[in-house]
Protein backbone atom coordinates (compact mmCIF):
# COMPACT_ATOMS: atom_id res chain seq x y z
CA MET A 1 -2.91 10.43 -7.34
CA GLU A 2 -2.38 9.25 -11.15
CA GLU A 3 0.80 10.31 -10.86
CA GLU A 4 2.48 8.96 -8.09
CA LEU A 5 0.93 5.44 -8.85
CA LYS A 6 2.74 6.28 -12.52
CA LYS A 7 6.18 6.46 -10.36
CA TYR A 8 5.81 2.86 -9.53
CA ASN A 9 4.93 1.85 -12.68
CA ILE A 10 1.39 1.25 -12.12
CA ARG A 11 -1.31 1.56 -14.15
CA PRO A 12 -3.26 4.07 -12.27
CA THR A 13 -7.51 2.59 -12.82
CA ALA A 14 -10.25 3.55 -10.93
CA VAL A 15 -10.03 0.92 -8.33
CA ARG A 16 -6.26 0.91 -7.64
CA ILE A 17 -7.12 4.99 -6.82
CA MET A 18 -9.65 4.57 -4.45
CA ILE A 19 -7.68 1.84 -2.79
CA TYR A 20 -4.45 3.61 -3.09
CA LYS A 21 -6.67 7.06 -1.48
CA LYS A 22 -7.81 5.13 1.15
CA ILE A 23 -3.99 2.94 2.13
CA LYS A 24 -2.43 7.42 2.50
CA GLU A 25 -4.92 7.69 4.88
CA LEU A 26 -4.20 5.29 7.35
CA ASP A 27 -1.78 5.17 10.00
CA HIS A 28 -1.21 1.67 11.02
CA THR A 29 -0.96 -1.18 8.46
CA PHE A 30 -3.94 -3.40 7.49
CA SER A 31 -5.25 -6.84 5.80
CA LEU A 32 -7.44 -7.44 3.41
CA SER A 33 -10.72 -7.82 5.87
CA ASP A 34 -9.68 -4.47 6.97
CA LEU A 35 -9.85 -2.54 3.47
CA GLU A 36 -12.84 -4.90 2.57
CA LYS A 37 -14.95 -2.59 5.89
CA TYR A 38 -14.67 0.18 3.53
CA PHE A 39 -15.24 -1.02 -0.20
CA ASP A 40 -18.47 -2.52 -0.34
CA THR A 41 -18.37 -2.29 -4.00
CA ILE A 42 -15.38 -3.18 -4.94
CA GLY A 43 -15.01 -7.19 -4.56
CA LYS A 44 -13.05 -9.81 -2.79
CA SER A 45 -10.14 -10.62 -5.40
CA SER A 46 -10.04 -6.96 -7.24
CA LEU A 47 -8.62 -5.79 -3.43
CA PHE A 48 -6.30 -9.00 -2.91
CA ARG A 49 -4.56 -8.27 -6.27
CA THR A 50 -4.43 -5.15 -6.30
CA LEU A 51 -2.85 -4.94 -3.20
CA THR A 52 -0.44 -8.01 -4.92
CA VAL A 53 0.56 -5.61 -7.81
CA PHE A 54 1.60 -2.35 -4.75
CA GLU A 55 3.12 -4.36 -2.92
CA GLU A 56 4.64 -6.16 -5.92
CA LYS A 57 5.91 -2.22 -7.27
CA GLY A 58 7.19 -1.63 -4.17
CA LEU A 59 3.96 0.69 -3.17
CA LEU A 60 3.44 -1.93 -0.08
CA HIS A 61 5.29 -4.14 2.00
CA SER A 62 3.97 -6.98 3.59
CA MET A 63 4.46 -9.07 6.90
CA GLU A 64 2.93 -11.55 9.61
CA ASP A 65 2.13 -10.46 12.98
CA GLY A 66 0.69 -14.20 14.68
CA SER A 67 -2.78 -13.02 13.46
CA GLY A 68 -3.49 -15.29 10.68
CA GLN A 69 -4.24 -12.44 8.11
CA ARG A 70 -1.05 -10.69 5.98
CA LYS A 71 -0.89 -6.74 7.04
CA TYR A 72 0.12 -4.55 4.78
CA CYS A 73 1.93 -1.47 4.76
CA PHE A 74 2.47 1.56 2.76
CA CYS A 75 6.21 1.62 2.42
CA SER A 76 6.75 6.05 1.66
CA GLY A 77 9.50 6.04 0.24
CA CYS A 78 10.85 2.25 0.31
CA HIS A 79 10.55 1.35 -3.51
CA HIS A 80 11.52 -1.82 -2.72
CA HIS A 81 11.09 -4.81 0.29
CA ALA A 82 14.35 -5.13 0.98
CA THR A 83 15.17 -1.91 1.86
CA CYS A 84 11.90 -1.93 4.13
CA ASN A 85 14.42 -2.29 7.03
CA HIS A 86 12.33 -0.84 9.42
CA ILE A 87 10.45 -2.18 13.24
CA HIS A 88 6.58 -2.73 13.36
CA PHE A 89 4.94 -2.31 16.61
CA TYR A 90 1.68 -4.51 17.49
CA CYS A 91 -0.48 -2.39 20.36
CA ARG A 92 -2.28 -5.66 22.56
CA ILE A 93 -4.46 -2.99 23.99
CA CYS A 94 -6.44 -1.87 20.51
CA GLY A 95 -4.90 -4.50 17.84
CA LYS A 96 -3.31 -2.17 15.63
CA ASN A 97 -0.09 -2.73 14.02
CA TYR A 98 2.43 0.07 13.08
CA CYS A 99 5.73 0.59 11.02
CA LEU A 100 7.63 2.84 13.39
CA LYS A 101 9.73 3.88 9.66
CA ASN A 102 12.43 6.48 12.01
CA VAL A 103 13.06 2.50 13.56
CA THR A 104 15.57 0.13 11.99
CA ILE A 105 16.31 -2.98 12.46
CA PRO A 106 19.18 -4.24 14.21
CA ILE A 107 21.94 -6.20 11.94
CA ILE A 108 21.00 -9.48 13.49
CA PRO A 109 24.17 -12.32 13.31
CA ILE A 110 23.48 -15.90 11.88
CA PRO A 111 25.46 -18.84 11.53
CA HIS A 112 27.47 -20.45 8.70
CA GLY A 113 26.30 -21.47 5.80
CA TYR A 114 22.63 -20.04 6.73
CA ILE A 115 21.07 -16.74 3.72
CA ARG A 116 19.57 -13.78 5.51
CA GLU A 117 16.10 -13.31 2.84
CA ASP A 118 14.27 -11.63 4.52
CA SER A 119 13.31 -10.09 7.72
CA ASP A 120 10.62 -8.93 10.42
CA TYR A 121 10.70 -7.31 13.50
CA MET A 122 7.81 -7.03 15.27
CA VAL A 123 7.74 -5.70 18.94
CA LYS A 124 4.18 -6.12 20.80
CA GLY A 125 3.44 -3.56 23.85
CA ILE A 126 0.71 -0.05 24.34
CA CYS A 127 1.08 2.17 21.40
CA SER A 128 1.70 5.90 22.20
CA GLN A 129 -2.28 6.64 21.34
CA CYS A 130 -3.21 4.21 23.69
CA SER A 131 -0.53 5.41 26.69
CA SER A 132 -1.38 8.33 26.74
CA LYS A 133 -5.17 7.37 27.68
CA MET A 134 -2.82 5.07 30.36
CA LYS A 135 -3.14 6.18 33.89
CA VAL A 136 0.43 7.40 35.59
CA ASP A 137 -0.64 5.01 38.03
CA ASP A 138 -1.10 1.96 36.05
CA MET A 139 2.42 1.81 34.78
CA CYS A 140 5.63 1.16 36.65
CA SER A 141 9.23 3.03 36.34
CA CYS A 142 9.93 1.36 33.69
CA SER A 143 6.88 2.67 31.57
CA HIS A 144 5.55 -0.83 31.93
CA SER A 145 1.79 -1.50 32.72
CA TYR A 146 1.94 -3.26 36.12
CA SER A 147 0.37 -6.44 35.12
CA GLN A 148 3.42 -6.56 32.19
CA CYS A 149 5.97 -5.79 34.29
CA SER A 150 8.81 -8.66 35.60
CA ASN A 151 10.68 -5.50 38.01
CA ILE A 152 7.52 -5.83 40.15
CA ASP A 153 7.91 -7.85 43.22
């Protein structure tokens, strides 16, 4: 763990190593308050400072998902936020956000005179874990739940 942090020029303190281990275990995005639940001995300010360092060094990236809380995701090889151009997916059933690392943000043309600095792309729907629990009768032919499908009369 220490060597992995050093690759990002992060000094491996005991707190940073504990937080890094937990982040690596997560399969979805997380907020500061989510991390607080795992670490009752680490204060909110220490957690926030660690997340800030991890993001500044390119270990994490963050996004806004409309919930009012900044969500973080382990970069796994991005090494810089500008290259983290993958899509994020919000599941309306479980409320989790996922980084779809193999699905890139499409190039979207913007008008002349505008300067793109950052892009976030959020897709909302039902994640694979939740959809696998759904009955086929609950879904239409285009894989929407019946209550969400606009193709049904």
